[in-house]
Amino acid sequence: MASQMELSVRALGHRDGRYLLLSGAGEMRQMTAGRICSASGLLDLFAGRIGELETRFPSSQTKAPFDAMAAGSHLIRQCVERGLVDMPRRSRRGR
């Protein structure tokens, strides 16, 4: 279901167990699988758009507003489909 829907987050690729995505706020993000599959990581990545996650990845549990594992797995698959990328270097502050 979610694979045919357009998401506000864009998968850009992967390398070395890290996934490169364009967040809902337009920011390039490098994330691990653990972070992508966590509710807090997804809320951050989707710029707080919980409605999009609830609609596209509904939870079968009453306490969880969306299925974080399904959403994260979907994004990881999209990154893998995009292929290997050169990861941008993170700048160090104060240097």
N, C-alpha and C. Protein backbone atom coordinates (compact mmCIF):
# COMPACT_ATOMS: atom_id res chain seq x y z
N MET A 1 0.82 -1.19 0.00
CA MET A 1 0.00 0.00 0.00
C MET A 1 0.86 1.26 0.00
N ALA A 2 1.78 1.38 0.93
CA ALA A 2 2.59 2.59 1.04
C ALA A 2 3.57 2.74 -0.11
N SER A 3 3.98 1.65 -0.75
CA SER A 3 4.96 1.74 -1.81
C SER A 3 4.45 2.52 -3.01
N GLN A 4 3.14 2.59 -3.23
CA GLN A 4 2.58 3.31 -4.36
C GLN A 4 2.20 4.75 -4.00
N MET A 5 2.31 5.10 -2.74
CA MET A 5 1.95 6.45 -2.31
C MET A 5 3.20 7.32 -2.25
N GLU A 6 3.02 8.58 -2.58
CA GLU A 6 4.10 9.55 -2.50
C GLU A 6 4.29 9.97 -1.04
N LEU A 7 5.52 9.95 -0.57
CA LEU A 7 5.81 10.36 0.80
C LEU A 7 6.53 11.71 0.79
N SER A 8 6.44 12.45 1.88
CA SER A 8 7.14 13.73 1.97
C SER A 8 8.63 13.53 2.20
N VAL A 9 9.04 12.32 2.56
CA VAL A 9 10.46 11.99 2.76
C VAL A 9 10.95 11.26 1.51
N ARG A 10 12.13 11.61 1.04
CA ARG A 10 12.70 11.00 -0.16
C ARG A 10 13.92 10.14 0.18
N ALA A 11 13.92 8.93 -0.32
CA ALA A 11 15.08 8.04 -0.17
C ALA A 11 16.11 8.43 -1.23
N LEU A 12 17.37 8.56 -0.80
CA LEU A 12 18.42 8.96 -1.73
C LEU A 12 19.43 7.85 -1.99
N GLY A 13 19.58 6.89 -1.07
CA GLY A 13 20.53 5.80 -1.25
C GLY A 13 21.05 5.30 0.09
N HIS A 14 22.12 4.49 0.02
CA HIS A 14 22.68 3.92 1.25
C HIS A 14 24.16 3.61 1.08
N ARG A 15 24.84 3.42 2.20
CA ARG A 15 26.23 2.98 2.23
C ARG A 15 26.61 2.66 3.67
N ASP A 16 27.30 1.55 3.85
CA ASP A 16 27.88 1.16 5.15
C ASP A 16 26.87 1.16 6.30
N GLY A 17 25.68 0.64 6.05
CA GLY A 17 24.68 0.55 7.12
C GLY A 17 24.02 1.86 7.48
N ARG A 18 24.23 2.87 6.66
CA ARG A 18 23.58 4.16 6.86
C ARG A 18 22.73 4.47 5.63
N TYR A 19 21.64 5.15 5.86
CA TYR A 19 20.68 5.44 4.81
C TYR A 19 20.58 6.95 4.66
N LEU A 20 20.59 7.41 3.43
CA LEU A 20 20.54 8.84 3.14
C LEU A 20 19.14 9.20 2.66
N LEU A 21 18.53 10.16 3.35
CA LEU A 21 17.16 10.56 3.05
C LEU A 21 17.04 12.08 3.03
N LEU A 22 16.07 12.57 2.31
CA LEU A 22 15.72 13.98 2.33
C LEU A 22 14.48 14.09 3.22
N SER A 23 14.60 14.80 4.32
CA SER A 23 13.53 14.87 5.33
C SER A 23 12.35 15.68 4.83
N GLY A 24 11.27 15.61 5.58
CA GLY A 24 10.08 16.39 5.28
C GLY A 24 10.33 17.88 5.36
N ALA A 25 11.40 18.28 6.04
CA ALA A 25 11.76 19.70 6.14
C ALA A 25 12.78 20.10 5.08
N GLY A 26 13.13 19.15 4.18
CA GLY A 26 14.08 19.44 3.11
C GLY A 26 15.54 19.32 3.49
N GLU A 27 15.80 18.66 4.59
CA GLU A 27 17.16 18.51 5.10
C GLU A 27 17.70 17.12 4.77
N MET A 28 18.95 17.03 4.31
CA MET A 28 19.56 15.74 4.03
C MET A 28 19.94 15.06 5.34
N ARG A 29 19.52 13.81 5.52
CA ARG A 29 19.76 13.08 6.76
C ARG A 29 20.44 11.74 6.51
N GLN A 30 21.42 11.41 7.32
CA GLN A 30 22.02 10.08 7.36
C GLN A 30 21.49 9.40 8.60
N MET A 31 20.90 8.22 8.44
CA MET A 31 20.30 7.53 9.58
C MET A 31 20.64 6.06 9.54
N THR A 32 20.70 5.45 10.72
CA THR A 32 20.88 4.00 10.81
C THR A 32 19.50 3.35 10.76
N ALA A 33 19.48 2.04 10.55
CA ALA A 33 18.21 1.31 10.51
C ALA A 33 17.47 1.45 11.84
N GLY A 34 18.19 1.41 12.94
CA GLY A 34 17.56 1.54 14.25
C GLY A 34 16.85 2.87 14.43
N ARG A 35 17.43 3.92 13.93
CA ARG A 35 16.84 5.25 14.05
C ARG A 35 15.64 5.40 13.11
N ILE A 36 15.77 4.85 11.89
CA ILE A 36 14.67 4.95 10.92
C ILE A 36 13.45 4.17 11.40
N CYS A 37 13.66 3.07 12.09
CA CYS A 37 12.55 2.22 12.53
C CYS A 37 12.03 2.58 13.91
N SER A 38 12.46 3.72 14.46
CA SER A 38 11.96 4.15 15.77
C SER A 38 10.92 5.27 15.57
N ALA A 39 9.95 5.31 16.44
CA ALA A 39 8.90 6.33 16.35
C ALA A 39 9.50 7.73 16.42
N SER A 40 10.45 7.96 17.33
CA SER A 40 11.02 9.30 17.46
C SER A 40 11.85 9.68 16.24
N GLY A 41 12.58 8.72 15.68
CA GLY A 41 13.36 8.99 14.48
C GLY A 41 12.47 9.34 13.30
N LEU A 42 11.35 8.64 13.18
CA LEU A 42 10.42 8.90 12.08
C LEU A 42 9.71 10.25 12.25
N LEU A 43 9.32 10.58 13.48
CA LEU A 43 8.69 11.89 13.70
C LEU A 43 9.64 13.01 13.32
N ASP A 44 10.90 12.85 13.67
CA ASP A 44 11.91 13.83 13.30
C ASP A 44 12.07 13.89 11.78
N LEU A 45 12.19 12.75 11.16
CA LEU A 45 12.39 12.67 9.71
C LEU A 45 11.20 13.25 8.94
N PHE A 46 9.99 13.01 9.41
CA PHE A 46 8.79 13.50 8.74
C PHE A 46 8.39 14.89 9.22
N ALA A 47 9.27 15.56 9.94
CA ALA A 47 9.05 16.94 10.41
C ALA A 47 7.76 17.06 11.21
N GLY A 48 7.49 16.04 12.04
CA GLY A 48 6.33 16.06 12.92
C GLY A 48 5.01 15.77 12.25
N ARG A 49 5.02 15.40 10.99
CA ARG A 49 3.76 15.11 10.26
C ARG A 49 3.25 13.72 10.64
N ILE A 50 2.73 13.60 11.84
CA ILE A 50 2.28 12.30 12.34
C ILE A 50 1.09 11.78 11.55
N GLY A 51 0.28 12.67 11.00
CA GLY A 51 -0.88 12.25 10.21
C GLY A 51 -0.48 11.44 8.99
N GLU A 52 0.58 11.85 8.34
CA GLU A 52 1.08 11.11 7.17
C GLU A 52 1.50 9.70 7.57
N LEU A 53 2.18 9.57 8.69
CA LEU A 53 2.60 8.25 9.18
C LEU A 53 1.40 7.40 9.59
N GLU A 54 0.43 8.01 10.27
CA GLU A 54 -0.79 7.29 10.70
C GLU A 54 -1.58 6.77 9.50
N THR A 55 -1.69 7.57 8.47
CA THR A 55 -2.47 7.21 7.29
C THR A 55 -1.79 6.11 6.48
N ARG A 56 -0.50 6.26 6.28
CA ARG A 56 0.20 5.35 5.38
C ARG A 56 0.74 4.10 6.06
N PHE A 57 0.93 4.17 7.37
CA PHE A 57 1.46 3.02 8.12
C PHE A 57 0.66 2.84 9.41
N PRO A 58 -0.62 2.51 9.29
CA PRO A 58 -1.47 2.39 10.49
C PRO A 58 -0.98 1.29 11.43
N SER A 59 -1.14 1.52 12.70
CA SER A 59 -0.71 0.56 13.72
C SER A 59 -1.85 -0.37 14.10
N SER A 60 -1.50 -1.60 14.39
CA SER A 60 -2.51 -2.55 14.88
C SER A 60 -2.59 -2.50 16.41
N GLN A 61 -1.71 -1.72 17.04
CA GLN A 61 -1.71 -1.58 18.50
C GLN A 61 -2.42 -0.29 18.87
N THR A 62 -3.18 -0.33 19.93
CA THR A 62 -3.94 0.86 20.33
C THR A 62 -3.05 1.96 20.89
N LYS A 63 -1.90 1.62 21.45
CA LYS A 63 -1.03 2.63 22.07
C LYS A 63 -0.13 3.34 21.07
N ALA A 64 0.09 2.75 19.90
CA ALA A 64 0.98 3.34 18.91
C ALA A 64 0.17 3.99 17.79
N PRO A 65 0.47 5.25 17.48
CA PRO A 65 -0.30 5.93 16.43
C PRO A 65 0.03 5.44 15.02
N PHE A 66 1.22 4.85 14.81
CA PHE A 66 1.61 4.33 13.51
C PHE A 66 2.59 3.17 13.71
N ASP A 67 2.77 2.38 12.66
CA ASP A 67 3.65 1.22 12.71
C ASP A 67 5.06 1.65 12.30
N ALA A 68 5.89 1.94 13.27
CA ALA A 68 7.25 2.45 13.01
C ALA A 68 8.09 1.44 12.25
N MET A 69 7.96 0.16 12.55
CA MET A 69 8.74 -0.85 11.86
C MET A 69 8.36 -0.92 10.38
N ALA A 70 7.08 -0.87 10.08
CA ALA A 70 6.63 -0.90 8.68
C ALA A 70 7.10 0.34 7.92
N ALA A 71 6.99 1.50 8.55
CA ALA A 71 7.42 2.74 7.91
C ALA A 71 8.93 2.74 7.68
N GLY A 72 9.68 2.34 8.70
CA GLY A 72 11.13 2.29 8.58
C GLY A 72 11.58 1.28 7.54
N SER A 73 10.97 0.12 7.54
CA SER A 73 11.31 -0.91 6.55
C SER A 73 11.05 -0.43 5.14
N HIS A 74 9.95 0.27 4.96
CA HIS A 74 9.62 0.82 3.65
C HIS A 74 10.70 1.81 3.19
N LEU A 75 11.12 2.70 4.07
CA LEU A 75 12.15 3.67 3.71
C LEU A 75 13.50 3.01 3.43
N ILE A 76 13.85 2.00 4.22
CA ILE A 76 15.11 1.28 3.99
C ILE A 76 15.08 0.61 2.61
N ARG A 77 13.96 -0.04 2.28
CA ARG A 77 13.85 -0.69 0.95
C ARG A 77 13.99 0.34 -0.17
N GLN A 78 13.40 1.50 0.02
CA GLN A 78 13.52 2.56 -1.00
C GLN A 78 14.97 3.01 -1.15
N CYS A 79 15.68 3.16 -0.04
CA CYS A 79 17.09 3.56 -0.09
C CYS A 79 17.93 2.50 -0.81
N VAL A 80 17.68 1.25 -0.51
CA VAL A 80 18.42 0.16 -1.14
C VAL A 80 18.14 0.13 -2.64
N GLU A 81 16.89 0.35 -3.02
CA GLU A 81 16.53 0.39 -4.44
C GLU A 81 17.23 1.53 -5.17
N ARG A 82 17.48 2.65 -4.48
CA ARG A 82 18.18 3.79 -5.09
C ARG A 82 19.65 3.48 -5.31
N GLY A 83 20.21 2.58 -4.50
CA GLY A 83 21.59 2.14 -4.69
C GLY A 83 22.59 2.81 -3.78
N LEU A 84 23.86 2.45 -3.99
CA LEU A 84 24.96 2.97 -3.19
C LEU A 84 25.25 4.42 -3.55
N VAL A 85 25.57 5.21 -2.53
CA VAL A 85 25.89 6.63 -2.74
C VAL A 85 27.13 6.98 -1.93
N ASP A 86 27.80 8.05 -2.33
CA ASP A 86 28.86 8.62 -1.52
C ASP A 86 28.20 9.49 -0.47
N MET A 87 28.45 9.19 0.79
CA MET A 87 27.82 9.95 1.87
C MET A 87 28.51 11.31 2.01
N PRO A 88 27.71 12.34 2.22
CA PRO A 88 28.31 13.66 2.47
C PRO A 88 29.07 13.65 3.79
N ARG A 89 30.15 14.39 3.82
CA ARG A 89 30.92 14.49 5.07
C ARG A 89 30.24 15.46 6.01
N ARG A 90 30.28 15.11 7.28
CA ARG A 90 29.72 16.01 8.28
C ARG A 90 30.79 16.99 8.68
N SER A 91 30.42 18.25 8.77
CA SER A 91 31.40 19.25 9.18
C SER A 91 31.55 19.21 10.70
N ARG A 92 32.73 19.52 11.14
CA ARG A 92 33.00 19.59 12.58
C ARG A 92 32.96 21.04 13.01
N ARG A 93 32.19 21.29 14.02
CA ARG A 93 32.10 22.67 14.51
C ARG A 93 33.35 23.03 15.30
N GLY A 94 33.75 24.27 15.15
CA GLY A 94 34.89 24.75 15.93
C GLY A 94 36.24 24.40 15.32
N ARG A 95 36.25 23.89 14.13
CA ARG A 95 37.53 23.56 13.48
C ARG A 95 37.70 24.31 12.22
